[in-house]
Amino acid sequence: MNVERVNSGNLAINSMPDGSQIIRNSEDNTVLALNPTAAAAWNACSSASAIADIAETMRRSFDSSVTDELAEASLLELQDKKLVAITGSSFKATRRQILAGLGAVALPLVVSLTVGEQKAHAQNAASFDQDFSRPRANVPKNHKRPF
């Protein structure tokens, strides 16, 4: 099996303090949020191309309890969001094997939204003014703060 990243030139990647990552694809104007497990797999794909190598890289950089099955699940999630291309033999792990081998590590998760969807959610949540020029605080101007 061979795994490689795709569309890397169109991606802007921001790493978060908790190990998660935000990836913006300028080609189709989508934003992907990777939880720490999926981010560890994404990072492992930059230097490894075989499942065993990706799992080993994830163990070294993320969590020593990562199994080959969890690495496979992570790669499938990344492939589903068109972040990696996988060629060669098929995956062997079943969902039951993946869940049994998890321990304290979370399942890989990648959430995708377009920029338009993000603006709509922000507008519905009233976190921005209509023109999106500045954040709107819900604190009255004459409110005295205790600090």
Protein backbone atom coordinates (compact mmCIF):
# COMPACT_ATOMS: atom_id res chain seq x y z
CA MET A 1 0.00 0.00 0.00
CA ASN A 2 1.19 3.50 -0.82
CA VAL A 3 -0.16 6.66 0.83
CA GLU A 4 0.59 10.19 -0.29
CA ARG A 5 -0.77 13.64 0.38
CA VAL A 6 -2.75 15.36 -2.38
CA ASN A 7 -3.35 19.03 -3.18
CA SER A 8 -0.64 20.10 -0.74
CA GLY A 9 0.07 23.27 -2.73
CA ASN A 10 -3.50 24.52 -2.22
CA LEU A 11 -3.57 23.97 1.54
CA ALA A 12 -2.93 26.39 4.37
CA ILE A 13 -2.33 24.48 7.61
CA ASN A 14 -2.68 25.84 11.14
CA SER A 15 -1.73 23.70 14.13
CA MET A 16 -3.59 24.16 17.40
CA PRO A 17 -2.12 23.77 20.91
CA ASP A 18 -4.15 20.59 21.57
CA GLY A 19 -2.63 18.81 18.56
CA SER A 20 -5.57 19.38 16.23
CA GLN A 21 -5.17 21.16 12.90
CA ILE A 22 -7.20 23.47 10.69
CA ILE A 23 -6.59 23.05 6.97
CA ARG A 24 -7.95 25.54 4.42
CA ASN A 25 -8.16 24.40 0.82
CA SER A 26 -8.02 27.44 -1.45
CA GLU A 27 -8.99 25.36 -4.49
CA ASP A 28 -12.54 24.54 -3.36
CA ASN A 29 -12.82 27.08 -0.51
CA THR A 30 -13.31 24.49 2.24
CA VAL A 31 -11.96 24.41 5.75
CA LEU A 32 -11.18 21.07 7.39
CA ALA A 33 -10.83 20.57 11.14
CA LEU A 34 -8.74 17.53 12.11
CA ASN A 35 -8.86 16.24 15.66
CA PRO A 36 -5.47 15.28 17.20
CA THR A 37 -5.68 11.67 15.97
CA ALA A 38 -6.39 12.65 12.36
CA ALA A 39 -3.76 15.41 12.57
CA ALA A 40 -1.14 12.89 13.74
CA ALA A 41 -1.96 10.67 10.76
CA TRP A 42 -1.81 13.66 8.39
CA ASN A 43 1.59 14.64 9.75
CA ALA A 44 2.84 11.06 9.48
CA CYS A 45 1.90 11.00 5.78
CA SER A 46 4.50 13.68 5.05
CA SER A 47 7.39 11.29 5.68
CA ALA A 48 5.91 7.77 5.50
CA SER A 49 3.96 5.95 2.84
CA ALA A 50 3.35 2.45 4.27
CA ILE A 51 0.72 1.77 6.94
CA ALA A 52 3.25 0.29 9.38
CA ASP A 53 5.51 3.35 8.99
CA ILE A 54 2.58 5.74 9.44
CA ALA A 55 1.46 3.90 12.57
CA GLU A 56 5.01 3.98 13.98
CA THR A 57 5.33 7.71 13.28
CA MET A 58 1.97 8.29 14.99
CA ARG A 59 3.15 6.27 18.02
CA ARG A 60 6.33 8.36 18.31
CA SER A 61 4.73 11.77 17.81
CA PHE A 62 1.22 11.32 19.20
CA ASP A 63 0.45 8.35 21.44
CA SER A 64 2.32 5.11 22.09
CA SER A 65 -0.94 3.12 22.07
CA VAL A 66 -1.73 3.83 18.39
CA THR A 67 -2.39 0.57 16.55
CA ASP A 68 -2.07 -0.22 12.86
CA GLU A 69 -5.86 -0.46 12.76
CA LEU A 70 -6.25 3.07 14.14
CA ALA A 71 -3.74 4.33 11.57
CA GLU A 72 -5.82 2.64 8.87
CA ALA A 73 -9.01 4.30 10.16
CA SER A 74 -7.24 7.65 10.18
CA LEU A 75 -6.08 7.20 6.61
CA LEU A 76 -9.59 6.27 5.48
CA GLU A 77 -10.95 9.44 7.08
CA LEU A 78 -8.25 11.53 5.37
CA GLN A 79 -8.91 9.81 2.05
CA ASP A 80 -12.65 10.50 2.41
CA LYS A 81 -11.88 14.23 2.67
CA LYS A 82 -9.47 14.03 -0.29
CA LEU A 83 -6.38 14.85 1.76
CA VAL A 84 -4.52 11.65 0.88
CA ALA A 85 -4.50 9.18 -1.99
CA ILE A 86 -4.15 5.49 -1.20
CA THR A 87 -2.99 2.95 -3.78
CA GLY A 88 -2.17 -0.72 -3.48
CA SER A 89 -3.68 -3.38 -1.25
CA SER A 90 -6.90 -2.84 0.66
CA PHE A 91 -7.35 -2.28 4.36
CA LYS A 92 -7.76 -5.28 6.63
CA ALA A 93 -9.15 -3.78 9.84
CA THR A 94 -12.81 -4.02 10.74
CA ARG A 95 -14.61 -1.38 12.80
CA ARG A 96 -14.66 -3.80 15.74
CA GLN A 97 -10.85 -4.24 15.58
CA ILE A 98 -10.37 -0.48 15.44
CA LEU A 99 -12.61 0.12 18.46
CA ALA A 100 -11.00 -2.71 20.42
CA GLY A 101 -7.53 -1.28 19.90
CA LEU A 102 -8.35 2.30 20.83
CA GLY A 103 -7.67 2.50 24.55
CA ALA A 104 -7.35 6.19 25.39
CA VAL A 105 -6.92 7.41 21.82
CA ALA A 106 -9.90 9.04 20.08
CA LEU A 107 -11.21 7.94 16.71
CA PRO A 108 -9.92 10.12 13.88
CA LEU A 109 -12.33 12.88 12.90
CA VAL A 110 -12.21 15.39 10.05
CA VAL A 111 -14.99 17.98 9.78
CA SER A 112 -15.40 19.97 6.58
CA LEU A 113 -17.22 23.28 5.99
CA THR A 114 -17.12 25.75 3.13
CA VAL A 115 -16.25 29.36 3.94
CA GLY A 116 -19.86 30.31 3.15
CA GLU A 117 -21.19 27.71 5.59
CA GLN A 118 -18.85 29.01 8.28
CA LYS A 119 -20.08 32.58 7.79
CA ALA A 120 -23.69 31.39 7.95
CA HIS A 121 -23.05 29.51 11.21
CA ALA A 122 -21.27 32.53 12.69
CA GLN A 123 -24.13 34.79 11.66
CA ASN A 124 -26.74 32.44 13.16
CA ALA A 125 -24.74 32.25 16.37
CA ALA A 126 -24.61 36.09 16.44
CA SER A 127 -20.87 36.03 16.89
CA PHE A 128 -20.27 38.60 14.16
CA ASP A 129 -21.93 41.77 12.89
CA GLN A 130 -23.71 41.50 9.57
CA ASP A 131 -20.70 42.84 7.66
CA PHE A 132 -18.29 40.40 9.37
CA SER A 133 -15.86 43.27 9.90
CA ARG A 134 -15.44 42.84 13.64
CA PRO A 135 -16.52 40.52 16.45
CA ARG A 136 -19.52 41.61 18.45
CA ALA A 137 -19.36 41.38 22.22
CA ASN A 138 -22.52 40.81 24.22
CA VAL A 139 -21.36 43.02 27.12
CA PRO A 140 -23.19 46.32 27.78
CA LYS A 141 -20.94 49.36 27.40
CA ASN A 142 -21.64 50.66 30.90
CA HIS A 143 -21.20 47.25 32.54
CA LYS A 144 -18.56 47.32 35.30
CA ARG A 145 -16.27 44.36 35.25
CA PRO A 146 -15.05 42.92 38.55
CA PHE A 147 -11.43 42.61 37.41
